[in-house]
Structure formats: structure tokens, C-alpha cells
Amino acid sequence: MKKLSACLSFLLLFALVGVTFAQDAPAVEEESCAFKPDIELTLDWNSRYVSKGKVVNPDPIASIDAYITLCGFYADFWAPFDMTDINRPERSGAYNNNRKYRAEEVDYVFGYNYTIAADKLGGISDLTLDINYKYWQYPRAVFDDDQLLEVGASLDNVLDPDGPAALKLGTTVAYHLNGNYSWWGTVYGDLSYKVNDAIKVGLKNTWYWGDKRFNGFGHDAVNAAELKLYASYSVNKYISLKAYVAGAWAIDHDTRAAWAEDSWNNSENFWGGVSVTFAF
């Protein structure tokens, strides 16, 4: 009943947001929405799987991400695949079968975002508002699937829009709709520089916080920070390549203690990855 009520509440909120935006949006913006979806398919390889600063799988993973958007509405499907047999039952105890070359999880995201133009905000930056529902499925796992409701806001670029440098600032807040009904969120800044029409480099800093139920100890905390250095190359308007290196650090002392107890996964919180994206 709690899950049903939470899902119905989300659908009602989602509908209200969509109606409100539709009423407020000027006719010009409505006409600019062509009923032709944008689709992106990303294939990714990472030296380890890290979530919110914490290592989930210390071995390499491959992942696939499919994203489709139409008139602000979007759907996203993401799955990471265990490239070793580290998640066999006798090793980790987290799954009922060996997940080698199988998905550790499958994430389904459905959402809506709306952008307010910079000229309506004194020229500071475009402001993007987002709301989405996430379902994180863990095939053959001994723990439950997750459901979340997330809202976010971001200033897309607070620097000179005509210059090569850009700075995006944003925040997200998520609420678990099942399990321990916890809150967690992020605050981030993404500084990038466009070298030329094809090459871009950047540095993204993300801070994670959670309430005591999310953290698993007796207080709210800013529990981790992550720093990612990346570079991307646009082969053409359909294909782009990306590479990155990253590191994460436990900020709160109780978070450090929890990571130390899970040293099998968190002895080294540095990793890297490469990806290729096809856009249609």
C-alpha cells in the first residue's frame, strides 16, 4: 500500500508540474517543440563501479545507456555489466547467481525537464528544472529493488555564453519511496573549456549528503566529495568520444569508518573510464 500510494502521489505531482509548465509556456515555445524524439545510445567502460563516492564493484564494468527525449519528457535506461566473477554468490553474497557478463542492476528513469531562458532571469543563465521517477532493479540480488523520486535545478552556464569556458551549477534532492524512506542529494559544479569545435575538457566537483537513515548512522552528513577530470571529442554530429579519471573522498568521520569496514571495495577510490555516444 505504501508503494502504491507513493507511486500515485508521484504521478499526480508529475501531472500537475506538466500542466503548470504547459500553461505558463508561451506559444512560441510550444510551436518550437517538433514531435521528433532525440535519442542517445552510450557504451561505457569503467575501471570500477562507484556510486555516490563509494565503490560498489572494485572490478571493471561495462555499461549501456539509452536515452530518449521529446518535448521535455524523457526516458533513460542504464545497466552496468559485471566483467569479472566477483559477484558470484560465494564471493560477495549479494546475488543468488554469478553476475559475470550480466547486469548488476537495471535502472529505469522517467522524467520531465523545463528550461527558463536566461533573458527572463536577468541574463544570468538558463535555468533547468527537472523531476523524475527512478526504479533501480537488481536482478537475482538478495536485497530489494529501489524506487526514488528526484527533483533538480541547474544553472546551465553562469559565464559568458559566447566564450569558450562554461560553468554549470546544480543540485538534486532524492527521496526513497521504499525501504528506509531516506533523503539524499548532491551539489555540483562543472567547469568546462571548449578547445575547438570538436574538443572539450572539463572538471566536475560533486558533493553528496544524506540523512541519518541514508547514511546508516545517527546523524545527517555531507558524507563524500568526488572530483572528475574529463575530455570529449566530437567525431561528427552523430558520434562523440569521452574519457575521464576521477577520485572520491569520505568527508564525514562516520562515513570514513563505514568505508574502512568495507575495505574490500573502498581501499582505492580512484577510477577511470571511456565511452562512445551515438546521437540521432
C-alpha atoms as a PDB file:
ATOM      1  CA  MET A   1       0.000   0.000   0.000  1.00  0.00           C
ATOM      2  CA  LYS A   2       2.839   2.408   0.786  1.00  0.00           C
ATOM      3  CA  LYS A   3       4.427   1.728  -2.612  1.00  0.00           C
ATOM      4  CA  LEU A   4       1.101   2.228  -4.396  1.00  0.00           C
ATOM      5  CA  SER A   5       0.415   5.473  -2.528  1.00  0.00           C
ATOM      6  CA  ALA A   6       3.915   6.768  -3.275  1.00  0.00           C
ATOM      7  CA  CYS A   7       3.585   5.968  -6.985  1.00  0.00           C
ATOM      8  CA  LEU A   8       0.151   7.588  -7.208  1.00  0.00           C
ATOM      9  CA  SER A   9       1.482  10.673  -5.402  1.00  0.00           C
ATOM     10  CA  PHE A  10       4.349  10.880  -7.878  1.00  0.00           C
ATOM     11  CA  LEU A  11       2.039  10.575 -10.899  1.00  0.00           C
ATOM     12  CA  LEU A  12      -0.223  13.309  -9.518  1.00  0.00           C
ATOM     13  CA  LEU A  13       2.738  15.619  -8.851  1.00  0.00           C
ATOM     14  CA  PHE A  14       4.179  14.846 -12.287  1.00  0.00           C
ATOM     15  CA  ALA A  15       0.857  15.704 -13.965  1.00  0.00           C
ATOM     16  CA  LEU A  16       0.496  18.952 -12.022  1.00  0.00           C
ATOM     17  CA  VAL A  17       4.007  20.054 -12.944  1.00  0.00           C
ATOM     18  CA  GLY A  18       3.395  19.276 -16.606  1.00  0.00           C
ATOM     19  CA  VAL A  19       0.091  21.169 -16.640  1.00  0.00           C
ATOM     20  CA  THR A  20       1.616  24.183 -14.880  1.00  0.00           C
ATOM     21  CA  PHE A  21       4.533  24.388 -17.296  1.00  0.00           C
ATOM     22  CA  ALA A  22       2.237  23.942 -20.273  1.00  0.00           C
ATOM     23  CA  GLN A  23       0.015  26.809 -19.104  1.00  0.00           C
ATOM     24  CA  ASP A  24       2.920  29.155 -18.424  1.00  0.00           C
ATOM     25  CA  ALA A  25       4.922  28.389 -21.569  1.00  0.00           C
ATOM     26  CA  PRO A  26       4.451  30.954 -24.361  1.00  0.00           C
ATOM     27  CA  ALA A  27       3.031  29.861 -27.704  1.00  0.00           C
ATOM     28  CA  VAL A  28       6.408  30.300 -29.407  1.00  0.00           C
ATOM     29  CA  GLU A  29       7.988  27.664 -27.160  1.00  0.00           C
ATOM     30  CA  GLU A  30       5.104  25.249 -27.766  1.00  0.00           C
ATOM     31  CA  GLU A  31       5.476  25.599 -31.551  1.00  0.00           C
ATOM     32  CA  SER A  32       9.243  25.047 -31.313  1.00  0.00           C
ATOM     33  CA  CYS A  33       8.673  21.524 -29.961  1.00  0.00           C
ATOM     34  CA  ALA A  34       8.730  19.288 -33.017  1.00  0.00           C
ATOM     35  CA  PHE A  35       7.331  15.821 -32.394  1.00  0.00           C
ATOM     36  CA  LYS A  36      10.580  14.148 -33.262  1.00  0.00           C
ATOM     37  CA  PRO A  37      12.444  12.472 -30.402  1.00  0.00           C
ATOM     38  CA  ASP A  38      16.146  12.856 -29.728  1.00  0.00           C
ATOM     39  CA  ILE A  39      17.869   9.559 -28.986  1.00  0.00           C
ATOM     40  CA  GLU A  40      21.283   8.848 -27.475  1.00  0.00           C
ATOM     41  CA  LEU A  41      22.965   5.477 -27.014  1.00  0.00           C
ATOM     42  CA  THR A  42      26.125   5.364 -24.881  1.00  0.00           C
ATOM     43  CA  LEU A  43      28.505   2.436 -24.438  1.00  0.00           C
ATOM     44  CA  ASP A  44      30.828   2.817 -21.475  1.00  0.00           C
ATOM     45  CA  TRP A  45      33.731   1.045 -19.773  1.00  0.00           C
ATOM     46  CA  ASN A  46      34.871   1.883 -16.226  1.00  0.00           C
ATOM     47  CA  SER A  47      37.770   0.551 -14.187  1.00  0.00           C
ATOM     48  CA  ARG A  48      35.366   0.173 -11.228  1.00  0.00           C
ATOM     49  CA  TYR A  49      31.752   0.956 -10.361  1.00  0.00           C
ATOM     50  CA  VAL A  50      31.411   3.917  -7.999  1.00  0.00           C
ATOM     51  CA  SER A  51      28.082   5.261  -6.707  1.00  0.00           C
ATOM     52  CA  LYS A  52      27.858   8.479  -4.673  1.00  0.00           C
ATOM     53  CA  GLY A  53      31.582   8.340  -3.972  1.00  0.00           C
ATOM     54  CA  LYS A  54      31.543   4.762  -2.684  1.00  0.00           C
ATOM     55  CA  VAL A  55      32.930   1.813  -4.638  1.00  0.00           C
ATOM     56  CA  VAL A  56      30.185  -0.730  -5.348  1.00  0.00           C
ATOM     57  CA  ASN A  57      32.245  -3.061  -7.544  1.00  0.00           C
ATOM     58  CA  PRO A  58      36.070  -2.773  -7.375  1.00  0.00           C
ATOM     59  CA  ASP A  59      36.487  -4.599 -10.697  1.00  0.00           C
ATOM     60  CA  PRO A  60      35.929  -3.230 -14.224  1.00  0.00           C
ATOM     61  CA  ILE A  61      32.395  -2.899 -15.552  1.00  0.00           C
ATOM     62  CA  ALA A  62      30.859  -2.131 -18.927  1.00  0.00           C
ATOM     63  CA  SER A  63      27.565  -0.294 -19.200  1.00  0.00           C
ATOM     64  CA  ILE A  64      24.936   0.650 -21.737  1.00  0.00           C
ATOM     65  CA  ASP A  65      22.709   3.714 -21.555  1.00  0.00           C
ATOM     66  CA  ALA A  66      19.729   4.529 -23.798  1.00  0.00           C
ATOM     67  CA  TYR A  67      18.174   7.987 -23.531  1.00  0.00           C
ATOM     68  CA  ILE A  68      15.181   9.351 -25.419  1.00  0.00           C
ATOM     69  CA  THR A  69      13.590  12.784 -25.030  1.00  0.00           C
ATOM     70  CA  LEU A  70      10.605  14.508 -26.621  1.00  0.00           C
ATOM     71  CA  CYS A  71       9.266  17.977 -25.765  1.00  0.00           C
ATOM     72  CA  GLY A  72      10.845  17.939 -22.307  1.00  0.00           C
ATOM     73  CA  PHE A  73       9.704  14.429 -21.392  1.00  0.00           C
ATOM     74  CA  TYR A  74      12.378  11.753 -21.274  1.00  0.00           C
ATOM     75  CA  ALA A  75      13.121   8.131 -20.514  1.00  0.00           C
ATOM     76  CA  ASP A  76      16.512   6.701 -19.619  1.00  0.00           C
ATOM     77  CA  PHE A  77      17.599   3.071 -19.284  1.00  0.00           C
ATOM     78  CA  TRP A  78      21.014   2.196 -17.839  1.00  0.00           C
ATOM     79  CA  ALA A  79      22.655  -1.091 -16.955  1.00  0.00           C
ATOM     80  CA  PRO A  80      26.187  -1.898 -15.703  1.00  0.00           C
ATOM     81  CA  PHE A  81      27.586  -5.341 -16.515  1.00  0.00           C
ATOM     82  CA  ASP A  82      29.970  -7.210 -14.216  1.00  0.00           C
ATOM     83  CA  MET A  83      33.068  -8.021 -16.304  1.00  0.00           C
ATOM     84  CA  THR A  84      34.501 -10.471 -13.752  1.00  0.00           C
ATOM     85  CA  ASP A  85      33.057 -13.117 -11.454  1.00  0.00           C
ATOM     86  CA  ILE A  86      33.487 -11.012  -8.320  1.00  0.00           C
ATOM     87  CA  ASN A  87      29.724 -11.030  -7.764  1.00  0.00           C
ATOM     88  CA  ARG A  88      29.428 -14.814  -7.649  1.00  0.00           C
ATOM     89  CA  PRO A  89      27.381 -15.885  -4.579  1.00  0.00           C
ATOM     90  CA  GLU A  90      30.276 -17.489  -2.707  1.00  0.00           C
ATOM     91  CA  ARG A  91      32.385 -14.334  -3.131  1.00  0.00           C
ATOM     92  CA  SER A  92      30.099 -11.417  -2.346  1.00  0.00           C
ATOM     93  CA  GLY A  93      26.897 -12.991  -1.067  1.00  0.00           C
ATOM     94  CA  ALA A  94      24.905 -10.191  -2.692  1.00  0.00           C
ATOM     95  CA  TYR A  95      23.428 -12.189  -5.601  1.00  0.00           C
ATOM     96  CA  ASN A  96      21.813 -15.598  -5.988  1.00  0.00           C
ATOM     97  CA  ASN A  97      23.773 -16.380  -9.157  1.00  0.00           C
ATOM     98  CA  ASN A  98      27.048 -15.429 -10.811  1.00  0.00           C
ATOM     99  CA  ARG A  99      26.650 -11.990 -12.442  1.00  0.00           C
ATOM    100  CA  LYS A 100      29.712 -12.290 -14.703  1.00  0.00           C
ATOM    101  CA  TYR A 101      28.827 -10.644 -18.049  1.00  0.00           C
ATOM    102  CA  ARG A 102      25.358  -9.968 -16.656  1.00  0.00           C
ATOM    103  CA  ALA A 103      23.756  -6.780 -15.421  1.00  0.00           C
ATOM    104  CA  GLU A 104      24.352  -5.984 -11.773  1.00  0.00           C
ATOM    105  CA  GLU A 105      21.355  -3.668 -11.962  1.00  0.00           C
ATOM    106  CA  VAL A 106      18.958  -2.142 -14.480  1.00  0.00           C
ATOM    107  CA  ASP A 107      17.837   1.449 -13.919  1.00  0.00           C
ATOM    108  CA  TYR A 108      14.645   2.898 -15.398  1.00  0.00           C
ATOM    109  CA  VAL A 109      14.127   6.673 -15.267  1.00  0.00           C
ATOM    110  CA  PHE A 110      11.096   8.644 -16.442  1.00  0.00           C
ATOM    111  CA  GLY A 111      11.056  12.408 -16.112  1.00  0.00           C
ATOM    112  CA  TYR A 112      10.322  15.889 -17.364  1.00  0.00           C
ATOM    113  CA  ASN A 113      12.537  18.959 -17.534  1.00  0.00           C
ATOM    114  CA  TYR A 114      11.758  22.576 -18.343  1.00  0.00           C
ATOM    115  CA  THR A 115      14.189  25.369 -19.156  1.00  0.00           C
ATOM    116  CA  ILE A 116      13.613  29.034 -18.301  1.00  0.00           C
ATOM    117  CA  ALA A 117      15.571  31.264 -20.675  1.00  0.00           C
ATOM    118  CA  ALA A 118      18.385  33.461 -19.349  1.00  0.00           C
ATOM    119  CA  ASP A 119      16.703  36.660 -20.554  1.00  0.00           C
ATOM    120  CA  LYS A 120      13.879  36.019 -18.074  1.00  0.00           C
ATOM    121  CA  LEU A 121      16.419  35.733 -15.242  1.00  0.00           C
ATOM    122  CA  GLY A 122      18.362  38.926 -15.801  1.00  0.00           C
ATOM    123  CA  GLY A 123      20.737  37.248 -18.230  1.00  0.00           C
ATOM    124  CA  ILE A 124      22.433  35.158 -15.513  1.00  0.00           C
ATOM    125  CA  SER A 125      21.909  31.758 -17.137  1.00  0.00           C
ATOM    126  CA  ASP A 126      19.297  29.407 -18.473  1.00  0.00           C
ATOM    127  CA  LEU A 127      17.664  27.610 -15.529  1.00  0.00           C
ATOM    128  CA  THR A 128      16.646  23.987 -15.997  1.00  0.00           C
ATOM    129  CA  LEU A 129      14.144  22.368 -13.616  1.00  0.00           C
ATOM    130  CA  ASP A 130      13.766  18.598 -13.536  1.00  0.00           C
ATOM    131  CA  ILE A 131      11.557  15.993 -11.883  1.00  0.00           C
ATOM    132  CA  ASN A 132      11.878  12.248 -12.391  1.00  0.00           C
ATOM    133  CA  TYR A 133      10.947   8.826 -11.069  1.00  0.00           C
ATOM    134  CA  LYS A 134      13.663   6.169 -10.808  1.00  0.00           C
ATOM    135  CA  TYR A 135      13.290   2.420 -10.469  1.00  0.00           C
ATOM    136  CA  TRP A 136      16.557   0.617  -9.712  1.00  0.00           C
ATOM    137  CA  GLN A 137      16.213  -3.108 -10.313  1.00  0.00           C
ATOM    138  CA  TYR A 138      18.794  -5.621  -9.035  1.00  0.00           C
ATOM    139  CA  PRO A 139      18.333  -8.966 -10.842  1.00  0.00           C
ATOM    140  CA  ARG A 140      18.741 -12.019  -8.580  1.00  0.00           C
ATOM    141  CA  ALA A 141      20.009  -9.866  -5.699  1.00  0.00           C
ATOM    142  CA  VAL A 142      19.435 -10.709  -2.045  1.00  0.00           C
ATOM    143  CA  PHE A 143      18.437  -7.084  -1.371  1.00  0.00           C
ATOM    144  CA  ASP A 144      15.348  -5.179  -2.542  1.00  0.00           C
ATOM    145  CA  ASP A 145      14.936  -3.001  -5.607  1.00  0.00           C
ATOM    146  CA  ASP A 146      14.861   0.788  -5.088  1.00  0.00           C
ATOM    147  CA  GLN A 147      12.321   3.414  -6.081  1.00  0.00           C
ATOM    148  CA  LEU A 148      13.126   7.130  -5.886  1.00  0.00           C
ATOM    149  CA  LEU A 149      11.558  10.469  -6.622  1.00  0.00           C
ATOM    150  CA  GLU A 150      14.126  13.122  -7.579  1.00  0.00           C
ATOM    151  CA  VAL A 151      13.931  16.847  -8.280  1.00  0.00           C
ATOM    152  CA  GLY A 152      16.762  19.035  -9.518  1.00  0.00           C
ATOM    153  CA  ALA A 153      17.700  22.503 -10.683  1.00  0.00           C
ATOM    154  CA  SER A 154      20.725  23.737 -12.616  1.00  0.00           C
ATOM    155  CA  LEU A 155      22.132  26.970 -13.992  1.00  0.00           C
ATOM    156  CA  ASP A 156      23.386  25.832 -17.364  1.00  0.00           C
ATOM    157  CA  ASN A 157      26.207  28.396 -17.748  1.00  0.00           C
ATOM    158  CA  VAL A 158      26.921  31.369 -15.479  1.00  0.00           C
ATOM    159  CA  LEU A 159      29.883  32.539 -17.589  1.00  0.00           C
ATOM    160  CA  ASP A 160      29.965  34.449 -20.883  1.00  0.00           C
ATOM    161  CA  PRO A 161      27.757  32.387 -23.246  1.00  0.00           C
ATOM    162  CA  ASP A 162      29.883  33.442 -26.209  1.00  0.00           C
ATOM    163  CA  GLY A 163      33.184  32.478 -24.575  1.00  0.00           C
ATOM    164  CA  PRO A 164      34.971  29.109 -24.708  1.00  0.00           C
ATOM    165  CA  ALA A 165      34.594  28.490 -20.947  1.00  0.00           C
ATOM    166  CA  ALA A 166      31.350  27.391 -19.265  1.00  0.00           C
ATOM    167  CA  LEU A 167      30.374  26.807 -15.641  1.00  0.00           C
ATOM    168  CA  LYS A 168      27.288  24.761 -14.794  1.00  0.00           C
ATOM    169  CA  LEU A 169      25.984  24.754 -11.198  1.00  0.00           C
ATOM    170  CA  GLY A 170      23.305  22.422  -9.936  1.00  0.00           C
ATOM    171  CA  THR A 171      21.675  20.484  -7.140  1.00  0.00           C
ATOM    172  CA  THR A 172      19.441  17.422  -6.808  1.00  0.00           C
ATOM    173  CA  VAL A 173      17.346  16.010  -3.973  1.00  0.00           C
ATOM    174  CA  ALA A 174      16.094  12.409  -3.952  1.00  0.00           C
ATOM    175  CA  TYR A 175      13.635  10.588  -1.704  1.00  0.00           C
ATOM    176  CA  HIS A 176      13.486   6.799  -1.385  1.00  0.00           C
ATOM    177  CA  LEU A 177       9.912   5.630  -1.941  1.00  0.00           C
ATOM    178  CA  ASN A 178      10.585   2.248  -0.362  1.00  0.00           C
ATOM    179  CA  GLY A 179      12.964   0.690   2.122  1.00  0.00           C
ATOM    180  CA  ASN A 180      14.074   3.153   4.784  1.00  0.00           C
ATOM    181  CA  TYR A 181      12.357   6.195   3.202  1.00  0.00           C
ATOM    182  CA  SER A 182      15.524   8.274   3.301  1.00  0.00           C
ATOM    183  CA  TRP A 183      16.675  11.552   1.764  1.00  0.00           C
ATOM    184  CA  TRP A 184      19.933  12.245  -0.069  1.00  0.00           C
ATOM    185  CA  GLY A 185      21.187  14.743  -2.605  1.00  0.00           C
ATOM    186  CA  THR A 186      24.019  16.424  -4.468  1.00  0.00           C
ATOM    187  CA  VAL A 187      25.507  19.842  -5.080  1.00  0.00           C
ATOM    188  CA  TYR A 188      27.865  20.153  -8.041  1.00  0.00           C
ATOM    189  CA  GLY A 189      29.847  22.482 -10.259  1.00  0.00           C
ATOM    190  CA  ASP A 190      31.039  21.605 -13.761  1.00  0.00           C
ATOM    191  CA  LEU A 191      33.709  23.839 -15.306  1.00  0.00           C
ATOM    192  CA  SER A 192      34.465  23.130 -18.969  1.00  0.00           C
ATOM    193  CA  TYR A 193      36.534  24.680 -21.731  1.00  0.00           C
ATOM    194  CA  LYS A 194      35.893  24.304 -25.452  1.00  0.00           C
ATOM    195  CA  VAL A 195      39.279  23.955 -27.135  1.00  0.00           C
ATOM    196  CA  ASN A 196      37.732  23.962 -30.610  1.00  0.00           C
ATOM    197  CA  ASP A 197      34.551  22.805 -32.318  1.00  0.00           C
ATOM    198  CA  ALA A 198      35.396  19.167 -31.592  1.00  0.00           C
ATOM    199  CA  ILE A 199      37.341  19.030 -28.307  1.00  0.00           C
ATOM    200  CA  LYS A 200      36.173  19.974 -24.825  1.00  0.00           C
ATOM    201  CA  VAL A 201      37.867  19.437 -21.456  1.00  0.00           C
ATOM    202  CA  GLY A 202      36.321  19.853 -18.025  1.00  0.00           C
ATOM    203  CA  LEU A 203      36.479  19.395 -14.277  1.00  0.00           C
ATOM    204  CA  LYS A 204      33.389  18.414 -12.274  1.00  0.00           C
ATOM    205  CA  ASN A 205      33.150  18.537  -8.476  1.00  0.00           C
ATOM    206  CA  THR A 206      30.204  16.802  -6.771  1.00  0.00           C
ATOM    207  CA  TRP A 207      29.327  16.744  -3.061  1.00  0.00           C
ATOM    208  CA  TYR A 208      26.965  14.115  -1.642  1.00  0.00           C
ATOM    209  CA  TRP A 209      24.864  14.416   1.505  1.00  0.00           C
ATOM    210  CA  GLY A 210      22.306  12.194   3.199  1.00  0.00           C
ATOM    211  CA  ASP A 211      20.076  11.985   6.235  1.00  0.00           C
ATOM    212  CA  LYS A 212      20.773   9.554   9.065  1.00  0.00           C
ATOM    213  CA  ARG A 213      18.628   6.816   7.501  1.00  0.00           C
ATOM    214  CA  PHE A 214      20.508   7.073   4.209  1.00  0.00           C
ATOM    215  CA  ASN A 215      23.902   7.213   5.948  1.00  0.00           C
ATOM    216  CA  GLY A 216      23.193   4.301   8.259  1.00  0.00           C
ATOM    217  CA  PHE A 217      24.454   6.165  11.322  1.00  0.00           C
ATOM    218  CA  GLY A 218      22.942   8.588  13.804  1.00  0.00           C
ATOM    219  CA  HIS A 219      23.191  11.958  12.072  1.00  0.00           C
ATOM    220  CA  ASP A 220      22.808  13.836   8.791  1.00  0.00           C
ATOM    221  CA  ALA A 221      26.071  14.444   6.983  1.00  0.00           C
ATOM    222  CA  VAL A 222      27.874  15.714   3.916  1.00  0.00           C
ATOM    223  CA  ASN A 223      29.438  12.309   3.514  1.00  0.00           C
ATOM    224  CA  ALA A 224      31.531  12.339   0.313  1.00  0.00           C
ATOM    225  CA  ALA A 225      33.047  14.507  -2.398  1.00  0.00           C
ATOM    226  CA  GLU A 226      34.010  13.485  -5.924  1.00  0.00           C
ATOM    227  CA  LEU A 227      36.338  15.149  -8.439  1.00  0.00           C
ATOM    228  CA  LYS A 228      36.271  14.165 -12.122  1.00  0.00           C
ATOM    229  CA  LEU A 229      38.581  15.357 -14.904  1.00  0.00           C
ATOM    230  CA  TYR A 230      37.246  14.619 -18.375  1.00  0.00           C
ATOM    231  CA  ALA A 231      37.782  15.251 -22.078  1.00  0.00           C
ATOM    232  CA  SER A 232      35.404  14.743 -25.001  1.00  0.00           C
ATOM    233  CA  TYR A 233      35.837  14.645 -28.759  1.00  0.00           C
ATOM    234  CA  SER A 234      33.028  15.043 -31.311  1.00  0.00           C
ATOM    235  CA  VAL A 235      33.821  12.850 -34.294  1.00  0.00           C
ATOM    236  CA  ASN A 236      30.808  14.304 -36.100  1.00  0.00           C
ATOM    237  CA  LYS A 237      27.308  15.419 -35.135  1.00  0.00           C
ATOM    238  CA  TYR A 238      26.291  11.809 -34.501  1.00  0.00           C
ATOM    239  CA  ILE A 239      29.270  10.285 -32.664  1.00  0.00           C
ATOM    240  CA  SER A 240      31.298  11.549 -29.700  1.00  0.00           C
ATOM    241  CA  LEU A 241      34.031  10.025 -27.538  1.00  0.00           C
ATOM    242  CA  LYS A 242      34.786  10.728 -23.869  1.00  0.00           C
ATOM    243  CA  ALA A 243      37.446   9.760 -21.329  1.00  0.00           C
ATOM    244  CA  TYR A 244      37.837  10.612 -17.658  1.00  0.00           C
ATOM    245  CA  VAL A 245      39.686   9.973 -14.414  1.00  0.00           C
ATOM    246  CA  ALA A 246      38.088  10.528 -11.002  1.00  0.00           C
ATOM    247  CA  GLY A 247      38.560  10.234  -7.268  1.00  0.00           C
ATOM    248  CA  ALA A 248      36.281  10.322  -4.224  1.00  0.00           C
ATOM    249  CA  TRP A 249      36.901  11.101  -0.565  1.00  0.00           C
ATOM    250  CA  ALA A 250      34.849  10.458   2.566  1.00  0.00           C
ATOM    251  CA  ILE A 251      34.172  13.787   4.307  1.00  0.00           C
ATOM    252  CA  ASP A 252      32.338  12.726   7.468  1.00  0.00           C
ATOM    253  CA  HIS A 253      34.259  10.682  10.044  1.00  0.00           C
ATOM    254  CA  ASP A 254      31.454   8.102  10.326  1.00  0.00           C
ATOM    255  CA  THR A 255      31.472   7.735   6.546  1.00  0.00           C
ATOM    256  CA  ARG A 256      35.226   7.113   6.647  1.00  0.00           C
ATOM    257  CA  ALA A 257      34.674   4.453   9.301  1.00  0.00           C
ATOM    258  CA  ALA A 258      31.964   2.768   7.209  1.00  0.00           C
ATOM    259  CA  TRP A 259      34.212   2.777   4.142  1.00  0.00           C
ATOM    260  CA  ALA A 260      37.088   1.339   6.182  1.00  0.00           C
ATOM    261  CA  GLU A 261      34.892  -1.583   7.264  1.00  0.00           C
ATOM    262  CA  ASP A 262      34.173  -2.202   3.572  1.00  0.00           C
ATOM    263  CA  SER A 263      37.861  -2.011   2.604  1.00  0.00           C
ATOM    264  CA  TRP A 264      37.405  -4.819   0.046  1.00  0.00           C
ATOM    265  CA  ASN A 265      35.588  -2.256  -2.093  1.00  0.00           C
ATOM    266  CA  ASN A 266      36.924   1.051  -0.806  1.00  0.00           C
ATOM    267  CA  SER A 267      40.665   0.660  -0.338  1.00  0.00           C
ATOM    268  CA  GLU A 268      41.190   2.704  -3.535  1.00  0.00           C
ATOM    269  CA  ASN A 269      38.612   5.313  -4.503  1.00  0.00           C
ATOM    270  CA  PHE A 270      40.239   6.267  -7.807  1.00  0.00           C
ATOM    271  CA  TRP A 271      38.999   5.102 -11.185  1.00  0.00           C
ATOM    272  CA  GLY A 272      38.685   5.997 -14.855  1.00  0.00           C
ATOM    273  CA  GLY A 273      36.612   5.272 -17.914  1.00  0.00           C
ATOM    274  CA  VAL A 274      35.950   5.756 -21.620  1.00  0.00           C
ATOM    275  CA  SER A 275      32.713   5.957 -23.587  1.00  0.00           C
ATOM    276  CA  VAL A 276      31.261   6.396 -27.050  1.00  0.00           C
ATOM    277  CA  THR A 277      27.896   8.062 -27.663  1.00  0.00           C
ATOM    278  CA  PHE A 278      25.706   7.806 -30.730  1.00  0.00           C
ATOM    279  CA  ALA A 279      23.121  10.594 -31.098  1.00  0.00           C
ATOM    280  CA  PHE A 280      20.215  10.530 -33.522  1.00  0.00           C
END
